[in-house]
N, C-alpha and C. Protein backbone atom coordinates (compact mmCIF):
# COMPACT_ATOMS: atom_id res chain seq x y z
N MET A 1 89.76 141.87 139.75
CA MET A 1 89.83 140.76 138.83
C MET A 1 91.13 140.81 138.03
N LYS A 2 91.51 142.04 137.60
CA LYS A 2 92.75 142.18 136.84
C LYS A 2 93.94 141.73 137.68
N LYS A 3 93.92 142.05 138.98
CA LYS A 3 95.01 141.67 139.87
C LYS A 3 95.09 140.14 139.98
N LEU A 4 93.94 139.48 140.05
CA LEU A 4 93.90 138.02 140.14
C LEU A 4 94.47 137.39 138.88
N ILE A 5 94.10 137.89 137.73
CA ILE A 5 94.61 137.36 136.46
C ILE A 5 96.11 137.60 136.37
N SER A 6 96.57 138.79 136.74
CA SER A 6 98.01 139.09 136.72
C SER A 6 98.76 138.18 137.67
N TRP A 7 98.18 137.94 138.87
CA TRP A 7 98.81 137.08 139.86
C TRP A 7 98.91 135.64 139.33
N LEU A 8 97.83 135.13 138.70
CA LEU A 8 97.85 133.78 138.13
C LEU A 8 98.87 133.68 137.01
N ALA A 9 98.94 134.67 136.15
CA ALA A 9 99.92 134.66 135.07
C ALA A 9 101.33 134.64 135.61
N ALA A 10 101.60 135.44 136.66
CA ALA A 10 102.92 135.46 137.28
C ALA A 10 103.24 134.11 137.91
N LEU A 11 102.25 133.47 138.53
CA LEU A 11 102.45 132.16 139.14
C LEU A 11 102.79 131.11 138.08
N VAL A 12 102.07 131.13 136.98
CA VAL A 12 102.33 130.18 135.89
C VAL A 12 103.74 130.37 135.35
N LEU A 13 104.14 131.60 135.12
CA LEU A 13 105.47 131.88 134.60
C LEU A 13 106.55 131.52 135.61
N ALA A 14 106.33 131.82 136.88
CA ALA A 14 107.33 131.57 137.91
C ALA A 14 107.55 130.08 138.15
N THR A 15 106.50 129.29 138.04
CA THR A 15 106.62 127.85 138.31
C THR A 15 106.99 127.06 137.07
N GLY A 16 106.97 127.71 135.92
CA GLY A 16 107.31 127.01 134.69
C GLY A 16 106.17 126.14 134.19
N LEU A 17 105.02 126.26 134.78
CA LEU A 17 103.87 125.48 134.34
C LEU A 17 103.26 126.11 133.11
N GLY A 18 102.90 125.30 132.18
CA GLY A 18 102.23 125.81 130.99
C GLY A 18 100.74 125.76 131.19
N LEU A 19 100.06 126.75 130.75
CA LEU A 19 98.62 126.78 130.82
C LEU A 19 98.09 126.48 129.43
N ILE A 20 97.39 125.35 129.30
CA ILE A 20 96.88 124.95 128.00
C ILE A 20 95.38 125.13 128.00
N VAL A 21 94.93 125.92 127.07
CA VAL A 21 93.51 126.19 126.94
C VAL A 21 93.00 125.39 125.75
N PRO A 22 91.98 124.53 125.95
CA PRO A 22 91.46 123.76 124.82
C PRO A 22 91.11 124.67 123.66
N GLY A 23 91.51 124.24 122.47
CA GLY A 23 91.25 125.01 121.26
C GLY A 23 92.32 126.04 120.96
N SER A 24 93.24 126.25 121.92
CA SER A 24 94.31 127.21 121.66
C SER A 24 95.42 126.55 120.87
N ALA A 25 96.31 127.35 120.34
CA ALA A 25 97.42 126.84 119.53
C ALA A 25 98.34 125.95 120.37
N SER A 26 98.36 126.15 121.70
CA SER A 26 99.26 125.36 122.54
C SER A 26 98.64 124.03 122.98
N ALA A 27 97.36 123.80 122.71
CA ALA A 27 96.73 122.53 123.07
C ALA A 27 97.25 121.44 122.14
N ALA A 28 97.63 120.31 122.72
CA ALA A 28 98.18 119.21 121.93
C ALA A 28 97.08 118.48 121.16
N ALA A 29 97.30 118.28 119.90
CA ALA A 29 96.37 117.50 119.08
C ALA A 29 96.68 116.03 119.28
N PRO A 30 95.70 115.15 119.09
CA PRO A 30 95.98 113.72 119.21
C PRO A 30 97.04 113.30 118.19
N TYR A 31 97.86 112.33 118.57
CA TYR A 31 98.89 111.82 117.69
C TYR A 31 98.25 111.32 116.40
N CYS A 32 98.61 111.92 115.29
CA CYS A 32 98.09 111.55 113.96
C CYS A 32 96.56 111.56 113.91
N GLY A 33 95.93 112.28 114.82
CA GLY A 33 94.48 112.31 114.85
C GLY A 33 93.86 111.07 115.48
N ILE A 34 94.70 110.18 116.03
CA ILE A 34 94.22 108.92 116.60
C ILE A 34 93.50 109.19 117.91
N THR A 35 92.29 108.67 118.03
CA THR A 35 91.51 108.81 119.25
C THR A 35 91.11 107.44 119.80
N TRP A 36 91.85 106.40 119.43
CA TRP A 36 91.54 105.04 119.88
C TRP A 36 91.89 104.91 121.35
N GLY A 37 91.53 103.79 121.92
CA GLY A 37 91.85 103.50 123.31
C GLY A 37 92.58 102.17 123.44
N SER A 38 92.68 101.69 124.68
CA SER A 38 93.37 100.42 124.91
C SER A 38 92.51 99.45 125.70
N THR A 39 91.21 99.69 125.75
CA THR A 39 90.31 98.77 126.44
C THR A 39 89.85 97.67 125.48
N PRO A 40 89.38 96.54 126.01
CA PRO A 40 88.99 95.42 125.15
C PRO A 40 87.94 95.81 124.11
N GLU A 41 88.08 95.20 122.92
CA GLU A 41 87.10 95.37 121.85
C GLU A 41 86.59 93.99 121.45
N TYR A 42 85.31 93.89 121.16
CA TYR A 42 84.77 92.59 120.81
C TYR A 42 83.51 92.70 119.96
N SER A 43 83.26 91.61 119.26
CA SER A 43 82.03 91.38 118.52
C SER A 43 81.72 89.91 118.71
N GLU A 44 80.55 89.60 119.18
CA GLU A 44 80.23 88.22 119.57
C GLU A 44 79.81 87.31 118.41
N GLU A 45 79.80 87.82 117.18
CA GLU A 45 79.40 86.99 116.04
C GLU A 45 80.34 85.80 115.87
N TYR A 46 79.80 84.68 115.43
CA TYR A 46 80.60 83.52 115.02
C TYR A 46 80.32 83.25 113.56
N THR A 47 81.29 82.69 112.87
CA THR A 47 81.13 82.44 111.45
C THR A 47 81.67 81.07 111.09
N GLY A 48 81.16 80.52 110.02
CA GLY A 48 81.69 79.27 109.48
C GLY A 48 82.85 79.52 108.53
N ASP A 49 83.14 80.81 108.29
CA ASP A 49 84.28 81.15 107.43
C ASP A 49 85.57 80.63 108.06
N VAL A 50 86.59 80.49 107.23
CA VAL A 50 87.86 79.96 107.74
C VAL A 50 89.00 80.94 107.49
N ILE A 51 89.97 80.89 108.37
CA ILE A 51 91.15 81.75 108.25
C ILE A 51 92.06 81.17 107.18
N THR A 52 92.54 82.04 106.29
CA THR A 52 93.43 81.59 105.21
C THR A 52 94.80 82.26 105.24
N GLY A 53 94.97 83.28 106.08
CA GLY A 53 96.27 83.94 106.13
C GLY A 53 96.35 84.99 107.22
N VAL A 54 97.59 85.34 107.56
CA VAL A 54 97.88 86.42 108.51
C VAL A 54 99.02 87.22 107.91
N ARG A 55 98.88 88.54 107.90
CA ARG A 55 99.93 89.39 107.34
C ARG A 55 99.98 90.69 108.13
N SER A 56 101.02 91.47 107.87
CA SER A 56 101.17 92.73 108.61
C SER A 56 101.67 93.82 107.68
N GLY A 57 101.58 95.05 108.17
CA GLY A 57 102.06 96.18 107.40
C GLY A 57 102.42 97.34 108.31
N ARG A 58 103.31 98.18 107.81
CA ARG A 58 103.74 99.37 108.55
C ARG A 58 103.12 100.60 107.90
N HIS A 59 102.64 101.50 108.73
CA HIS A 59 102.05 102.75 108.26
C HIS A 59 102.69 103.90 109.02
N ALA A 60 102.43 105.12 108.62
CA ALA A 60 103.06 106.29 109.21
C ALA A 60 102.74 106.44 110.70
N CYS A 61 101.53 106.09 111.11
CA CYS A 61 101.11 106.33 112.50
C CYS A 61 100.82 105.06 113.28
N PHE A 62 100.80 103.91 112.62
CA PHE A 62 100.45 102.66 113.30
C PHE A 62 101.02 101.47 112.55
N ASP A 63 101.08 100.33 113.24
CA ASP A 63 101.39 99.04 112.62
C ASP A 63 100.08 98.29 112.49
N ARG A 64 99.96 97.47 111.45
CA ARG A 64 98.69 96.78 111.15
C ARG A 64 98.89 95.28 111.05
N LEU A 65 97.96 94.53 111.65
CA LEU A 65 97.89 93.08 111.50
C LEU A 65 96.57 92.76 110.82
N VAL A 66 96.62 91.90 109.79
CA VAL A 66 95.42 91.54 109.04
C VAL A 66 95.27 90.03 109.07
N VAL A 67 94.06 89.57 109.41
CA VAL A 67 93.72 88.15 109.36
C VAL A 67 92.75 87.98 108.20
N ASP A 68 93.15 87.17 107.20
CA ASP A 68 92.33 86.94 106.02
C ASP A 68 91.40 85.76 106.25
N LEU A 69 90.14 85.90 105.84
CA LEU A 69 89.15 84.83 105.96
C LEU A 69 88.46 84.59 104.62
N ARG A 70 88.09 83.35 104.37
CA ARG A 70 87.36 82.99 103.16
C ARG A 70 85.92 82.66 103.54
N GLY A 71 84.98 83.25 102.82
CA GLY A 71 83.58 82.94 103.05
C GLY A 71 82.67 84.15 102.98
N GLY A 72 83.17 85.32 103.30
CA GLY A 72 82.39 86.53 103.13
C GLY A 72 81.54 86.97 104.31
N ASP A 73 81.43 86.16 105.38
CA ASP A 73 80.68 86.59 106.56
C ASP A 73 81.55 87.50 107.43
N VAL A 74 80.92 88.24 108.31
CA VAL A 74 81.65 89.10 109.24
C VAL A 74 82.02 88.27 110.47
N PRO A 75 83.31 88.11 110.73
CA PRO A 75 83.71 87.31 111.89
C PRO A 75 83.63 88.11 113.18
N GLY A 76 83.34 87.43 114.27
CA GLY A 76 83.42 88.06 115.58
C GLY A 76 84.85 87.99 116.08
N TYR A 77 85.13 88.68 117.16
CA TYR A 77 86.49 88.73 117.69
C TYR A 77 86.46 89.22 119.14
N ARG A 78 87.55 88.98 119.83
CA ARG A 78 87.82 89.54 121.15
C ARG A 78 89.28 89.94 121.14
N VAL A 79 89.56 91.22 121.35
CA VAL A 79 90.93 91.72 121.35
C VAL A 79 91.14 92.48 122.66
N ALA A 80 92.20 92.12 123.38
CA ALA A 80 92.45 92.77 124.68
C ALA A 80 93.91 92.61 125.07
N TYR A 81 94.38 93.57 125.84
CA TYR A 81 95.69 93.45 126.46
C TYR A 81 95.55 92.51 127.65
N THR A 82 96.03 91.29 127.47
CA THR A 82 95.99 90.28 128.52
C THR A 82 96.93 89.15 128.13
N ALA A 83 97.17 88.23 129.06
CA ALA A 83 98.05 87.10 128.78
C ALA A 83 97.48 86.26 127.62
N VAL A 84 98.39 85.73 126.81
CA VAL A 84 97.99 84.90 125.67
C VAL A 84 98.29 83.46 126.02
N THR A 85 97.30 82.59 125.82
CA THR A 85 97.48 81.16 126.08
C THR A 85 97.11 80.35 124.85
N GLU A 86 97.71 79.16 124.74
CA GLU A 86 97.42 78.28 123.61
C GLU A 86 96.00 77.75 123.69
N GLN A 87 95.37 77.63 122.53
CA GLN A 87 94.05 77.02 122.44
C GLN A 87 94.16 75.56 122.88
N GLY A 88 93.20 75.10 123.63
CA GLY A 88 93.16 73.69 124.04
C GLY A 88 94.00 73.40 125.27
N SER A 89 95.30 73.69 125.25
CA SER A 89 96.18 73.33 126.38
C SER A 89 96.20 74.38 127.48
N GLY A 90 96.01 75.64 127.12
CA GLY A 90 96.07 76.71 128.11
C GLY A 90 97.48 77.13 128.49
N ARG A 91 98.50 76.58 127.81
CA ARG A 91 99.89 76.96 128.10
C ARG A 91 100.13 78.41 127.70
N ALA A 92 100.93 79.11 128.49
CA ALA A 92 101.27 80.51 128.22
C ALA A 92 102.08 80.61 126.93
N VAL A 93 101.80 81.65 126.16
CA VAL A 93 102.55 81.95 124.94
C VAL A 93 103.42 83.17 125.25
N PRO A 94 104.73 82.98 125.43
CA PRO A 94 105.59 84.13 125.72
C PRO A 94 105.76 85.00 124.47
N LEU A 95 105.68 86.30 124.67
CA LEU A 95 105.80 87.25 123.57
C LEU A 95 106.83 88.32 123.91
N ARG A 96 107.57 88.77 122.90
CA ARG A 96 108.48 89.90 123.08
C ARG A 96 107.65 91.18 123.18
N GLY A 97 108.18 92.15 123.92
CA GLY A 97 107.49 93.44 124.07
C GLY A 97 107.00 93.62 125.49
N ALA A 98 106.60 94.82 125.81
CA ALA A 98 106.15 95.16 127.16
C ALA A 98 104.66 94.90 127.36
N ALA A 99 103.92 94.59 126.30
CA ALA A 99 102.49 94.33 126.42
C ALA A 99 102.08 93.22 125.46
N ASP A 100 101.17 92.36 125.92
CA ASP A 100 100.65 91.26 125.12
C ASP A 100 99.22 91.59 124.70
N LEU A 101 98.98 91.57 123.39
CA LEU A 101 97.64 91.80 122.86
C LEU A 101 97.12 90.46 122.35
N ARG A 102 96.07 89.96 123.01
CA ARG A 102 95.48 88.68 122.61
C ARG A 102 94.36 88.94 121.61
N ILE A 103 94.46 88.27 120.46
CA ILE A 103 93.46 88.40 119.40
C ILE A 103 92.79 87.04 119.23
N ILE A 104 91.51 86.99 119.55
CA ILE A 104 90.73 85.76 119.34
C ILE A 104 89.75 86.04 118.21
N VAL A 105 89.86 85.27 117.14
CA VAL A 105 88.97 85.40 115.99
C VAL A 105 87.94 84.28 116.10
N HIS A 106 86.67 84.61 116.02
CA HIS A 106 85.60 83.61 116.11
C HIS A 106 85.43 82.90 114.77
N ALA A 107 86.51 82.27 114.33
CA ALA A 107 86.53 81.51 113.08
C ALA A 107 87.67 80.50 113.18
N PRO A 108 87.50 79.31 112.62
CA PRO A 108 88.56 78.30 112.68
C PRO A 108 89.60 78.50 111.58
N ALA A 109 90.74 77.87 111.78
CA ALA A 109 91.80 77.84 110.75
C ALA A 109 91.88 76.42 110.19
N TYR A 110 90.73 75.77 110.12
CA TYR A 110 90.64 74.41 109.60
C TYR A 110 89.24 74.20 109.01
N GLU A 111 89.17 73.23 108.11
CA GLU A 111 87.90 72.88 107.49
C GLU A 111 87.93 71.40 107.19
N ASP A 112 86.90 70.67 107.62
CA ASP A 112 86.83 69.22 107.40
C ASP A 112 88.08 68.52 107.91
N GLY A 113 88.60 68.98 109.05
CA GLY A 113 89.76 68.33 109.66
C GLY A 113 91.10 68.71 109.04
N ARG A 114 91.11 69.56 108.04
CA ARG A 114 92.37 69.99 107.40
C ARG A 114 92.61 71.47 107.65
N ALA A 115 93.86 71.82 107.86
CA ALA A 115 94.21 73.21 108.11
C ALA A 115 93.97 74.06 106.87
N THR A 116 93.36 75.22 107.06
CA THR A 116 93.22 76.20 105.98
C THR A 116 94.33 77.25 106.10
N TYR A 117 94.91 77.33 107.28
CA TYR A 117 96.09 78.18 107.49
C TYR A 117 96.89 77.59 108.65
N LEU A 118 98.17 77.41 108.42
CA LEU A 118 99.08 76.92 109.45
C LEU A 118 100.42 77.60 109.20
N PRO A 119 100.85 78.46 110.10
CA PRO A 119 102.11 79.18 109.86
C PRO A 119 103.30 78.24 109.87
N LYS A 120 104.32 78.59 109.11
CA LYS A 120 105.55 77.79 109.08
C LYS A 120 106.22 77.80 110.44
N ASN A 121 106.17 78.93 111.12
CA ASN A 121 106.79 79.07 112.44
C ASN A 121 105.76 79.69 113.38
N ARG A 122 105.29 78.94 114.35
CA ARG A 122 104.25 79.41 115.27
C ARG A 122 104.70 80.62 116.10
N GLN A 123 106.01 80.74 116.34
CA GLN A 123 106.52 81.85 117.16
C GLN A 123 106.76 83.12 116.36
N GLU A 124 106.85 83.00 115.04
CA GLU A 124 107.08 84.15 114.16
C GLU A 124 106.15 84.03 112.96
N VAL A 125 104.87 84.27 113.18
CA VAL A 125 103.87 84.09 112.13
C VAL A 125 104.16 85.01 110.95
N VAL A 126 104.48 86.24 111.24
CA VAL A 126 104.90 87.19 110.21
C VAL A 126 106.15 87.91 110.72
N ASP A 127 106.96 88.37 109.81
CA ASP A 127 108.20 89.07 110.18
C ASP A 127 107.86 90.53 110.48
N VAL A 128 108.03 90.93 111.75
CA VAL A 128 107.76 92.31 112.14
C VAL A 128 109.05 93.03 112.58
N SER A 129 110.19 92.49 112.19
CA SER A 129 111.44 93.17 112.52
C SER A 129 111.46 94.54 111.84
N GLY A 130 111.88 95.55 112.58
CA GLY A 130 111.92 96.90 112.06
C GLY A 130 110.64 97.68 112.26
N TYR A 131 109.60 97.07 112.79
CA TYR A 131 108.35 97.78 113.04
C TYR A 131 108.50 98.66 114.28
N ARG A 132 107.78 99.78 114.31
CA ARG A 132 107.87 100.69 115.46
C ARG A 132 107.14 100.17 116.68
N THR A 133 106.02 99.46 116.49
CA THR A 133 105.18 99.04 117.60
C THR A 133 105.18 97.52 117.81
N PHE A 134 105.02 96.76 116.74
CA PHE A 134 104.97 95.30 116.87
C PHE A 134 106.34 94.73 117.20
N ARG A 135 106.35 93.72 118.08
CA ARG A 135 107.58 93.02 118.43
C ARG A 135 107.55 91.55 118.02
N GLN A 136 106.35 90.95 117.99
CA GLN A 136 106.23 89.53 117.64
C GLN A 136 104.77 89.19 117.37
N VAL A 137 104.56 88.28 116.42
CA VAL A 137 103.23 87.73 116.16
C VAL A 137 103.36 86.22 116.31
N ALA A 138 102.61 85.64 117.25
CA ALA A 138 102.70 84.20 117.53
C ALA A 138 101.34 83.54 117.37
N TRP A 139 101.38 82.30 116.94
CA TRP A 139 100.18 81.49 116.72
C TRP A 139 99.89 80.72 118.00
N ALA A 140 98.69 80.88 118.56
CA ALA A 140 98.31 80.18 119.78
C ALA A 140 97.31 79.07 119.51
N GLY A 141 96.97 78.85 118.24
CA GLY A 141 96.15 77.70 117.88
C GLY A 141 94.74 78.02 117.47
N SER A 142 94.10 76.99 116.92
CA SER A 142 92.72 77.08 116.48
C SER A 142 92.01 75.85 117.03
N PHE A 143 90.94 76.07 117.79
CA PHE A 143 90.27 74.98 118.49
C PHE A 143 88.82 75.35 118.71
N GLU A 144 87.93 74.40 118.43
CA GLU A 144 86.50 74.57 118.66
C GLU A 144 85.93 75.85 118.03
N GLY A 145 86.32 76.12 116.79
CA GLY A 145 85.73 77.21 116.03
C GLY A 145 86.29 78.59 116.30
N GLN A 146 87.38 78.67 117.04
CA GLN A 146 88.00 79.98 117.22
C GLN A 146 89.51 79.85 117.18
N THR A 147 90.17 80.95 116.84
CA THR A 147 91.61 80.98 116.64
C THR A 147 92.21 82.10 117.46
N THR A 148 93.36 81.81 118.10
CA THR A 148 94.02 82.82 118.93
C THR A 148 95.39 83.16 118.35
N ILE A 149 95.66 84.46 118.28
CA ILE A 149 96.94 84.99 117.82
C ILE A 149 97.46 85.92 118.91
N GLY A 150 98.74 85.79 119.24
CA GLY A 150 99.35 86.68 120.22
C GLY A 150 100.16 87.74 119.51
N LEU A 151 99.99 88.98 119.94
CA LEU A 151 100.72 90.09 119.34
C LEU A 151 101.54 90.77 120.44
N GLY A 152 102.86 90.63 120.36
CA GLY A 152 103.74 91.31 121.30
C GLY A 152 103.92 92.74 120.84
N VAL A 153 103.65 93.69 121.74
CA VAL A 153 103.66 95.11 121.42
C VAL A 153 104.68 95.83 122.30
N ARG A 154 105.29 96.86 121.76
CA ARG A 154 106.32 97.63 122.46
C ARG A 154 105.83 98.14 123.81
N ALA A 155 104.59 98.60 123.89
CA ALA A 155 103.98 99.13 125.11
C ALA A 155 102.47 99.02 124.97
N ARG A 156 101.76 99.26 126.04
CA ARG A 156 100.30 99.23 125.98
C ARG A 156 99.84 100.51 125.28
N LEU A 157 99.63 100.41 123.99
CA LEU A 157 99.32 101.55 123.14
C LEU A 157 97.88 101.46 122.63
N PRO A 158 97.32 102.57 122.16
CA PRO A 158 95.96 102.52 121.64
C PRO A 158 95.85 101.64 120.40
N TYR A 159 94.71 101.01 120.26
CA TYR A 159 94.47 100.16 119.09
C TYR A 159 93.02 100.27 118.66
N ARG A 160 92.77 99.79 117.44
CA ARG A 160 91.40 99.70 116.93
C ARG A 160 91.28 98.37 116.19
N VAL A 161 90.04 97.89 116.10
CA VAL A 161 89.73 96.63 115.41
C VAL A 161 88.54 96.88 114.50
N PHE A 162 88.63 96.37 113.26
CA PHE A 162 87.49 96.48 112.36
C PHE A 162 87.57 95.39 111.30
N VAL A 163 86.48 95.19 110.58
CA VAL A 163 86.38 94.16 109.56
C VAL A 163 86.16 94.84 108.21
N LEU A 164 86.89 94.36 107.20
CA LEU A 164 86.73 94.85 105.83
C LEU A 164 86.16 93.73 104.96
N ASP A 165 85.21 94.07 104.10
CA ASP A 165 84.64 93.11 103.15
C ASP A 165 85.50 93.06 101.90
N GLY A 166 85.55 91.85 101.29
CA GLY A 166 86.16 91.68 99.98
C GLY A 166 87.66 91.63 100.01
N PRO A 167 88.23 91.42 98.87
CA PRO A 167 87.57 91.26 97.57
C PRO A 167 86.87 89.91 97.46
N GLY A 168 85.90 89.83 96.60
CA GLY A 168 85.15 88.58 96.40
C GLY A 168 84.43 88.16 97.66
N ASN A 169 84.47 86.85 97.94
CA ASN A 169 83.79 86.36 99.14
C ASN A 169 84.81 86.18 100.28
N THR A 170 85.62 87.19 100.49
CA THR A 170 86.58 87.18 101.60
C THR A 170 86.29 88.36 102.52
N THR A 171 86.79 88.23 103.74
CA THR A 171 86.76 89.34 104.69
C THR A 171 88.12 89.42 105.35
N ARG A 172 88.38 90.55 105.97
CA ARG A 172 89.65 90.75 106.66
C ARG A 172 89.38 91.38 108.02
N LEU A 173 89.93 90.75 109.06
CA LEU A 173 89.90 91.34 110.39
C LEU A 173 91.18 92.15 110.52
N VAL A 174 91.05 93.43 110.86
CA VAL A 174 92.19 94.34 110.91
C VAL A 174 92.39 94.82 112.35
N VAL A 175 93.65 94.76 112.81
CA VAL A 175 94.02 95.29 114.12
C VAL A 175 95.15 96.29 113.89
N ASP A 176 94.88 97.56 114.18
CA ASP A 176 95.88 98.62 114.08
C ASP A 176 96.32 99.01 115.48
N VAL A 177 97.63 99.12 115.70
CA VAL A 177 98.16 99.58 116.98
C VAL A 177 99.01 100.83 116.72
N ALA A 178 98.66 101.92 117.40
CA ALA A 178 99.33 103.20 117.20
C ALA A 178 100.79 103.13 117.64
N HIS A 179 101.60 103.97 117.04
CA HIS A 179 103.02 104.05 117.43
C HIS A 179 103.20 104.70 118.79
N ARG A 180 102.28 105.58 119.16
CA ARG A 180 102.35 106.21 120.48
C ARG A 180 100.99 106.80 120.82
N TRP A 181 100.84 107.26 122.06
CA TRP A 181 99.61 107.89 122.51
C TRP A 181 99.49 109.26 121.93
């Protein structure tokens, strides 16, 4: 047995292969402790709440997109790496970056026929210049009780989606995309 272990150690050293044992000091920890994935995330809930804003932020380990809603209910959503198309027309929404993240919020951006949120520039909803992961945020429209936002991302990176309550009778849909795997 000792000869086998010595032979394996010599083979590892000779080939330059590293042997990583889980729990050892040489085992790589997840980037910033992030254990998210890149598969679709969804919640099928629909709400009568309305979208009132879209904003973004930079953090040490990820970039964040926040969709603000008024009403206090928990909105449903569908978030996935896939082509982004305009609501109603189905036209493709071109995005900068190597991956397109489609965010569908199960809430309208209008109430009684009037917009509750309409970006000044549909192609640049928020300024993400200088971000490590985000390349572009584009508005794909709001139609029949749901709203689509396209997020151009540097690469197909891990992400997470969650909803925050408040303040007051508001909620926020949050999409975080990691800077790397």
